[in-house]
Amino acid sequence: MQTLNFQQLLRYQDQLIDGTLHTLLLTLVAAVIGTAIGVAGAAAVRSGPRPVRWAIRGYVELIRNTPSLIQLFVVFFVLPGFGLRMGAFEAAAIALGLYFGAYCTEIVRAGLDAIPGSQVEAGQCLGLTRWQVFRHIVLPPALRSVYPAFTSQFVLLLLGTSLASQISAEELFHTGGFIETRTYRSFEVYAVICGIYFALVMSFKLLFAAVGHLAFRWPVRR
């Protein structure tokens, strides 16, 4: 029976650090892309012209009901046939951003829809501008209502970056595969990779919990 030996992995600690940093960067870039899509998409669904609303809803349903791995392959392997060639990291960021954007669109839309119309009308009756109504009446409770769903989706996005290894993007899971082919220590390698993912997720959960506690401290009426 083969004994466990983690010492062989110590020589690859620099690669593990680089892979972790690439995973974090990929997650953040995809989150920025997806958040921008989500905010714009939610606004378009609520107040855009009918063809735009249909297009956004079609995009959301298409992305949410197809495997994200296929979406990644389409961006990386299919789009170059139309002249849109990009590197593995860029393709992964765009594909994951589109994936995150579809879910973010529904999250933001649900948050905006949760604000009673009477509150908006009350703000308008007080003489507030549209921006003031949005800033002081709509945005704070909407952010509070969508914050848990948004942070949970961010964590899923972080874990989903492992799919980028399928197109050789140099993120954490791809780094683990590289080290495994050099050491033949599959259990040790993927135990360490799993531990790093777990540490990242728990760190973000603690960070999000702290931010949420500081940002949304006002009591909720029951």
C-alpha atoms as a PDB file:
ATOM      1  CA  MET A   1       0.000   0.000   0.000  1.00  0.00           C
ATOM      2  CA  GLN A   2       1.355   3.398  -0.977  1.00  0.00           C
ATOM      3  CA  THR A   3       1.959   5.729   1.973  1.00  0.00           C
ATOM      4  CA  LEU A   4       1.025   9.371   1.886  1.00  0.00           C
ATOM      5  CA  ASN A   5       3.836  11.774   1.119  1.00  0.00           C
ATOM      6  CA  PHE A   6       3.145  15.488   0.884  1.00  0.00           C
ATOM      7  CA  GLN A   7       6.784  16.529   0.950  1.00  0.00           C
ATOM      8  CA  GLN A   8       7.126  16.123  -2.795  1.00  0.00           C
ATOM      9  CA  LEU A   9       4.619  18.919  -3.251  1.00  0.00           C
ATOM     10  CA  LEU A  10       6.770  21.455  -1.436  1.00  0.00           C
ATOM     11  CA  ARG A  11       8.914  22.029  -4.521  1.00  0.00           C
ATOM     12  CA  TYR A  12       5.775  23.116  -6.387  1.00  0.00           C
ATOM     13  CA  GLN A  13       4.581  25.694  -3.869  1.00  0.00           C
ATOM     14  CA  ASP A  14       5.336  28.564  -6.246  1.00  0.00           C
ATOM     15  CA  GLN A  15       3.140  26.969  -8.929  1.00  0.00           C
ATOM     16  CA  LEU A  16       0.360  26.480  -6.377  1.00  0.00           C
ATOM     17  CA  ILE A  17       0.551  30.135  -5.372  1.00  0.00           C
ATOM     18  CA  ASP A  18       0.474  31.235  -9.008  1.00  0.00           C
ATOM     19  CA  GLY A  19      -2.482  28.957  -9.709  1.00  0.00           C
ATOM     20  CA  THR A  20      -4.356  30.341  -6.708  1.00  0.00           C
ATOM     21  CA  LEU A  21      -3.710  33.923  -7.803  1.00  0.00           C
ATOM     22  CA  HIS A  22      -4.855  33.133 -11.350  1.00  0.00           C
ATOM     23  CA  THR A  23      -8.038  31.588  -9.929  1.00  0.00           C
ATOM     24  CA  LEU A  24      -8.719  34.691  -7.856  1.00  0.00           C
ATOM     25  CA  LEU A  25      -8.042  36.981 -10.800  1.00  0.00           C
ATOM     26  CA  LEU A  26     -10.256  34.914 -13.093  1.00  0.00           C
ATOM     27  CA  THR A  27     -13.044  34.979 -10.511  1.00  0.00           C
ATOM     28  CA  LEU A  28     -12.841  38.728 -10.004  1.00  0.00           C
ATOM     29  CA  VAL A  29     -12.718  39.539 -13.735  1.00  0.00           C
ATOM     30  CA  ALA A  30     -15.661  37.250 -14.461  1.00  0.00           C
ATOM     31  CA  ALA A  31     -17.569  38.722 -11.512  1.00  0.00           C
ATOM     32  CA  VAL A  32     -17.043  42.277 -12.789  1.00  0.00           C
ATOM     33  CA  ILE A  33     -18.203  41.283 -16.276  1.00  0.00           C
ATOM     34  CA  GLY A  34     -21.178  39.367 -14.907  1.00  0.00           C
ATOM     35  CA  THR A  35     -22.207  42.133 -12.501  1.00  0.00           C
ATOM     36  CA  ALA A  36     -22.177  44.708 -15.293  1.00  0.00           C
ATOM     37  CA  ILE A  37     -24.274  42.382 -17.444  1.00  0.00           C
ATOM     38  CA  GLY A  38     -26.618  41.678 -14.542  1.00  0.00           C
ATOM     39  CA  VAL A  39     -27.282  45.310 -13.680  1.00  0.00           C
ATOM     40  CA  ALA A  40     -27.772  46.304 -17.327  1.00  0.00           C
ATOM     41  CA  GLY A  41     -29.868  43.213 -18.012  1.00  0.00           C
ATOM     42  CA  ALA A  42     -32.123  43.764 -15.005  1.00  0.00           C
ATOM     43  CA  ALA A  43     -32.651  47.400 -15.980  1.00  0.00           C
ATOM     44  CA  ALA A  44     -33.457  46.384 -19.563  1.00  0.00           C
ATOM     45  CA  VAL A  45     -35.926  43.716 -18.441  1.00  0.00           C
ATOM     46  CA  ARG A  46     -37.744  46.221 -16.221  1.00  0.00           C
ATOM     47  CA  SER A  47     -37.909  49.217 -18.520  1.00  0.00           C
ATOM     48  CA  GLY A  48     -36.411  48.390 -21.906  1.00  0.00           C
ATOM     49  CA  PRO A  49     -38.287  48.003 -25.194  1.00  0.00           C
ATOM     50  CA  ARG A  50     -40.003  44.696 -25.805  1.00  0.00           C
ATOM     51  CA  PRO A  51     -37.417  43.254 -28.269  1.00  0.00           C
ATOM     52  CA  VAL A  52     -34.636  44.010 -25.767  1.00  0.00           C
ATOM     53  CA  ARG A  53     -36.585  42.379 -22.951  1.00  0.00           C
ATOM     54  CA  TRP A  54     -37.131  39.267 -25.053  1.00  0.00           C
ATOM     55  CA  ALA A  55     -33.450  39.153 -25.981  1.00  0.00           C
ATOM     56  CA  ILE A  56     -32.337  39.432 -22.339  1.00  0.00           C
ATOM     57  CA  ARG A  57     -34.797  36.770 -21.203  1.00  0.00           C
ATOM     58  CA  GLY A  58     -33.647  34.482 -24.016  1.00  0.00           C
ATOM     59  CA  TYR A  59     -30.026  34.983 -22.986  1.00  0.00           C
ATOM     60  CA  VAL A  60     -30.831  34.235 -19.344  1.00  0.00           C
ATOM     61  CA  GLU A  61     -32.763  31.065 -20.170  1.00  0.00           C
ATOM     62  CA  LEU A  62     -30.105  29.864 -22.609  1.00  0.00           C
ATOM     63  CA  ILE A  63     -27.226  30.314 -20.173  1.00  0.00           C
ATOM     64  CA  ARG A  64     -29.045  28.951 -17.139  1.00  0.00           C
ATOM     65  CA  ASN A  65     -30.271  25.829 -18.939  1.00  0.00           C
ATOM     66  CA  THR A  66     -27.103  24.724 -20.732  1.00  0.00           C
ATOM     67  CA  PRO A  67     -23.874  23.326 -19.243  1.00  0.00           C
ATOM     68  CA  SER A  68     -21.296  26.001 -18.460  1.00  0.00           C
ATOM     69  CA  LEU A  69     -18.581  23.748 -19.881  1.00  0.00           C
ATOM     70  CA  ILE A  70     -20.259  23.835 -23.302  1.00  0.00           C
ATOM     71  CA  GLN A  71     -20.486  27.613 -23.048  1.00  0.00           C
ATOM     72  CA  LEU A  72     -16.756  27.705 -22.347  1.00  0.00           C
ATOM     73  CA  PHE A  73     -16.031  25.499 -25.363  1.00  0.00           C
ATOM     74  CA  VAL A  74     -18.194  27.674 -27.599  1.00  0.00           C
ATOM     75  CA  VAL A  75     -16.273  30.803 -26.625  1.00  0.00           C
ATOM     76  CA  PHE A  76     -12.854  29.178 -26.944  1.00  0.00           C
ATOM     77  CA  PHE A  77     -13.320  26.809 -29.896  1.00  0.00           C
ATOM     78  CA  VAL A  78     -16.281  28.132 -31.912  1.00  0.00           C
ATOM     79  CA  LEU A  79     -15.862  31.905 -31.841  1.00  0.00           C
ATOM     80  CA  PRO A  80     -12.381  31.789 -33.449  1.00  0.00           C
ATOM     81  CA  GLY A  81     -14.145  30.455 -36.558  1.00  0.00           C
ATOM     82  CA  PHE A  82     -15.913  33.835 -36.710  1.00  0.00           C
ATOM     83  CA  GLY A  83     -12.692  35.783 -36.256  1.00  0.00           C
ATOM     84  CA  LEU A  84     -12.946  36.207 -32.473  1.00  0.00           C
ATOM     85  CA  ARG A  85      -9.739  34.534 -31.325  1.00  0.00           C
ATOM     86  CA  MET A  86      -8.575  34.935 -27.748  1.00  0.00           C
ATOM     87  CA  GLY A  87      -6.334  33.302 -25.175  1.00  0.00           C
ATOM     88  CA  ALA A  88      -7.452  30.675 -22.693  1.00  0.00           C
ATOM     89  CA  PHE A  89      -7.667  33.088 -19.760  1.00  0.00           C
ATOM     90  CA  GLU A  90      -9.639  35.684 -21.735  1.00  0.00           C
ATOM     91  CA  ALA A  91     -12.023  33.055 -23.104  1.00  0.00           C
ATOM     92  CA  ALA A  92     -12.595  31.640 -19.627  1.00  0.00           C
ATOM     93  CA  ALA A  93     -13.229  35.112 -18.179  1.00  0.00           C
ATOM     94  CA  ILE A  94     -15.772  35.933 -20.882  1.00  0.00           C
ATOM     95  CA  ALA A  95     -17.550  32.561 -20.671  1.00  0.00           C
ATOM     96  CA  LEU A  96     -17.731  32.645 -16.870  1.00  0.00           C
ATOM     97  CA  GLY A  97     -18.737  36.308 -16.984  1.00  0.00           C
ATOM     98  CA  LEU A  98     -21.645  35.477 -19.289  1.00  0.00           C
ATOM     99  CA  TYR A  99     -22.598  32.606 -16.979  1.00  0.00           C
ATOM    100  CA  PHE A 100     -22.462  34.811 -13.891  1.00  0.00           C
ATOM    101  CA  GLY A 101     -24.272  37.612 -15.701  1.00  0.00           C
ATOM    102  CA  ALA A 102     -27.313  35.467 -16.448  1.00  0.00           C
ATOM    103  CA  TYR A 103     -27.781  34.589 -12.788  1.00  0.00           C
ATOM    104  CA  CYS A 104     -26.912  38.117 -11.681  1.00  0.00           C
ATOM    105  CA  THR A 105     -29.601  39.505 -13.998  1.00  0.00           C
ATOM    106  CA  GLU A 106     -32.262  37.484 -12.222  1.00  0.00           C
ATOM    107  CA  ILE A 107     -30.845  38.298  -8.789  1.00  0.00           C
ATOM    108  CA  VAL A 108     -30.818  42.049  -9.418  1.00  0.00           C
ATOM    109  CA  ARG A 109     -34.226  41.958 -11.091  1.00  0.00           C
ATOM    110  CA  ALA A 110     -35.724  40.133  -8.111  1.00  0.00           C
ATOM    111  CA  GLY A 111     -34.215  42.687  -5.750  1.00  0.00           C
ATOM    112  CA  LEU A 112     -35.651  45.613  -7.688  1.00  0.00           C
ATOM    113  CA  ASP A 113     -39.049  43.929  -7.988  1.00  0.00           C
ATOM    114  CA  ALA A 114     -39.119  43.431  -4.209  1.00  0.00           C
ATOM    115  CA  ILE A 115     -39.385  47.196  -3.656  1.00  0.00           C
ATOM    116  CA  PRO A 116     -43.088  48.175  -3.335  1.00  0.00           C
ATOM    117  CA  GLY A 117     -44.240  50.700  -5.902  1.00  0.00           C
ATOM    118  CA  SER A 118     -45.860  52.699  -3.114  1.00  0.00           C
ATOM    119  CA  GLN A 119     -42.408  53.524  -1.719  1.00  0.00           C
ATOM    120  CA  VAL A 120     -41.283  54.920  -5.054  1.00  0.00           C
ATOM    121  CA  GLU A 121     -44.495  56.919  -5.383  1.00  0.00           C
ATOM    122  CA  ALA A 122     -44.058  58.297  -1.867  1.00  0.00           C
ATOM    123  CA  GLY A 123     -40.562  59.499  -2.764  1.00  0.00           C
ATOM    124  CA  GLN A 124     -41.844  61.166  -5.896  1.00  0.00           C
ATOM    125  CA  CYS A 125     -44.574  62.859  -3.915  1.00  0.00           C
ATOM    126  CA  LEU A 126     -41.910  64.333  -1.645  1.00  0.00           C
ATOM    127  CA  GLY A 127     -40.332  65.982  -4.671  1.00  0.00           C
ATOM    128  CA  LEU A 128     -37.317  63.685  -4.976  1.00  0.00           C
ATOM    129  CA  THR A 129     -35.711  63.266  -8.378  1.00  0.00           C
ATOM    130  CA  ARG A 130     -35.534  59.856 -10.071  1.00  0.00           C
ATOM    131  CA  TRP A 131     -31.906  59.513  -9.025  1.00  0.00           C
ATOM    132  CA  GLN A 132     -32.704  60.464  -5.417  1.00  0.00           C
ATOM    133  CA  VAL A 133     -35.557  57.957  -5.344  1.00  0.00           C
ATOM    134  CA  PHE A 134     -33.271  55.256  -6.695  1.00  0.00           C
ATOM    135  CA  ARG A 135     -30.381  56.204  -4.405  1.00  0.00           C
ATOM    136  CA  HIS A 136     -32.279  56.553  -1.136  1.00  0.00           C
ATOM    137  CA  ILE A 137     -35.428  54.454  -1.536  1.00  0.00           C
ATOM    138  CA  VAL A 138     -34.814  51.686  -4.076  1.00  0.00           C
ATOM    139  CA  LEU A 139     -31.102  50.865  -3.885  1.00  0.00           C
ATOM    140  CA  PRO A 140     -30.474  50.237  -0.135  1.00  0.00           C
ATOM    141  CA  PRO A 141     -33.270  47.680   0.442  1.00  0.00           C
ATOM    142  CA  ALA A 142     -32.674  46.116  -2.980  1.00  0.00           C
ATOM    143  CA  LEU A 143     -28.989  45.587  -2.197  1.00  0.00           C
ATOM    144  CA  ARG A 144     -29.856  44.113   1.165  1.00  0.00           C
ATOM    145  CA  SER A 145     -32.322  41.644  -0.320  1.00  0.00           C
ATOM    146  CA  VAL A 146     -29.996  40.434  -3.101  1.00  0.00           C
ATOM    147  CA  TYR A 147     -26.758  40.398  -1.105  1.00  0.00           C
ATOM    148  CA  PRO A 148     -27.006  36.792   0.189  1.00  0.00           C
ATOM    149  CA  ALA A 149     -27.901  35.407  -3.251  1.00  0.00           C
ATOM    150  CA  PHE A 150     -25.192  37.467  -4.934  1.00  0.00           C
ATOM    151  CA  THR A 151     -22.466  36.296  -2.541  1.00  0.00           C
ATOM    152  CA  SER A 152     -23.572  32.671  -2.864  1.00  0.00           C
ATOM    153  CA  GLN A 153     -23.398  32.955  -6.639  1.00  0.00           C
ATOM    154  CA  PHE A 154     -19.940  34.485  -6.341  1.00  0.00           C
ATOM    155  CA  VAL A 155     -18.782  31.438  -4.377  1.00  0.00           C
ATOM    156  CA  LEU A 156     -20.204  29.145  -7.068  1.00  0.00           C
ATOM    157  CA  LEU A 157     -18.354  31.207  -9.659  1.00  0.00           C
ATOM    158  CA  LEU A 158     -15.118  30.762  -7.728  1.00  0.00           C
ATOM    159  CA  LEU A 159     -15.556  26.998  -7.673  1.00  0.00           C
ATOM    160  CA  GLY A 160     -16.632  27.001 -11.326  1.00  0.00           C
ATOM    161  CA  THR A 161     -13.304  28.470 -12.428  1.00  0.00           C
ATOM    162  CA  SER A 162     -11.958  24.913 -12.280  1.00  0.00           C
ATOM    163  CA  LEU A 163     -13.693  24.320 -15.615  1.00  0.00           C
ATOM    164  CA  ALA A 164     -11.157  26.659 -17.224  1.00  0.00           C
ATOM    165  CA  SER A 165      -8.585  23.889 -16.894  1.00  0.00           C
ATOM    166  CA  GLN A 166     -10.347  22.157 -19.787  1.00  0.00           C
ATOM    167  CA  ILE A 167      -9.004  24.813 -22.161  1.00  0.00           C
ATOM    168  CA  SER A 168      -5.595  24.924 -20.429  1.00  0.00           C
ATOM    169  CA  ALA A 169      -6.138  28.163 -18.535  1.00  0.00           C
ATOM    170  CA  GLU A 170      -3.481  28.258 -15.852  1.00  0.00           C
ATOM    171  CA  GLU A 171      -5.703  28.356 -12.805  1.00  0.00           C
ATOM    172  CA  LEU A 172      -5.530  26.270  -9.627  1.00  0.00           C
ATOM    173  CA  PHE A 173      -7.089  23.034 -10.877  1.00  0.00           C
ATOM    174  CA  HIS A 174      -4.939  23.088 -14.013  1.00  0.00           C
ATOM    175  CA  THR A 175      -1.895  23.569 -11.789  1.00  0.00           C
ATOM    176  CA  GLY A 176      -2.944  20.547  -9.749  1.00  0.00           C
ATOM    177  CA  GLY A 177      -3.133  18.435 -12.885  1.00  0.00           C
ATOM    178  CA  PHE A 178       0.344  19.586 -13.905  1.00  0.00           C
ATOM    179  CA  ILE A 179       1.809  18.690 -10.510  1.00  0.00           C
ATOM    180  CA  GLU A 180       0.044  15.319 -10.483  1.00  0.00           C
ATOM    181  CA  THR A 181       1.651  14.345 -13.799  1.00  0.00           C
ATOM    182  CA  ARG A 182       5.076  15.159 -12.327  1.00  0.00           C
ATOM    183  CA  THR A 183       4.732  13.524  -8.910  1.00  0.00           C
ATOM    184  CA  TYR A 184       2.139  10.755  -9.516  1.00  0.00           C
ATOM    185  CA  ARG A 185       0.751  11.641  -6.089  1.00  0.00           C
ATOM    186  CA  SER A 186      -2.869  12.026  -7.062  1.00  0.00           C
ATOM    187  CA  PHE A 187      -4.415  11.907  -3.607  1.00  0.00           C
ATOM    188  CA  GLU A 188      -1.933  14.304  -2.059  1.00  0.00           C
ATOM    189  CA  VAL A 189      -2.154  16.775  -4.933  1.00  0.00           C
ATOM    190  CA  TYR A 190      -5.920  16.936  -5.088  1.00  0.00           C
ATOM    191  CA  ALA A 191      -6.234  16.946  -1.307  1.00  0.00           C
ATOM    192  CA  VAL A 192      -4.098  20.088  -1.262  1.00  0.00           C
ATOM    193  CA  ILE A 193      -6.068  21.608  -4.159  1.00  0.00           C
ATOM    194  CA  CYS A 194      -9.325  20.842  -2.363  1.00  0.00           C
ATOM    195  CA  GLY A 195      -7.947  22.401   0.813  1.00  0.00           C
ATOM    196  CA  ILE A 196      -6.993  25.592  -1.038  1.00  0.00           C
ATOM    197  CA  TYR A 197     -10.451  25.873  -2.595  1.00  0.00           C
ATOM    198  CA  PHE A 198     -12.032  25.324   0.814  1.00  0.00           C
ATOM    199  CA  ALA A 199      -9.813  27.997   2.379  1.00  0.00           C
ATOM    200  CA  LEU A 200     -10.687  30.462  -0.385  1.00  0.00           C
ATOM    201  CA  VAL A 201     -14.409  29.837  -0.058  1.00  0.00           C
ATOM    202  CA  MET A 202     -14.402  30.159   3.724  1.00  0.00           C
ATOM    203  CA  SER A 203     -12.310  33.332   3.526  1.00  0.00           C
ATOM    204  CA  PHE A 204     -14.763  34.917   1.105  1.00  0.00           C
ATOM    205  CA  LYS A 205     -17.720  33.817   3.228  1.00  0.00           C
ATOM    206  CA  LEU A 206     -16.203  35.477   6.296  1.00  0.00           C
ATOM    207  CA  LEU A 207     -15.403  38.588   4.275  1.00  0.00           C
ATOM    208  CA  PHE A 208     -18.916  38.782   2.837  1.00  0.00           C
ATOM    209  CA  ALA A 209     -20.445  38.229   6.271  1.00  0.00           C
ATOM    210  CA  ALA A 210     -18.379  41.078   7.725  1.00  0.00           C
ATOM    211  CA  VAL A 211     -19.210  43.407   4.840  1.00  0.00           C
ATOM    212  CA  GLY A 212     -22.906  42.546   5.066  1.00  0.00           C
ATOM    213  CA  HIS A 213     -22.928  43.147   8.820  1.00  0.00           C
ATOM    214  CA  LEU A 214     -21.350  46.574   8.396  1.00  0.00           C
ATOM    215  CA  ALA A 215     -23.319  47.652   5.326  1.00  0.00           C
ATOM    216  CA  PHE A 216     -26.808  46.467   6.331  1.00  0.00           C
ATOM    217  CA  ARG A 217     -27.036  47.140  10.041  1.00  0.00           C
ATOM    218  CA  TRP A 218     -30.477  48.746  10.094  1.00  0.00           C
ATOM    219  CA  PRO A 219     -33.247  46.563  11.610  1.00  0.00           C
ATOM    220  CA  VAL A 220     -35.803  44.770   9.474  1.00  0.00           C
ATOM    221  CA  ARG A 221     -39.476  45.395  10.243  1.00  0.00           C
ATOM    222  CA  ARG A 222     -41.306  42.128  10.882  1.00  0.00           C
END
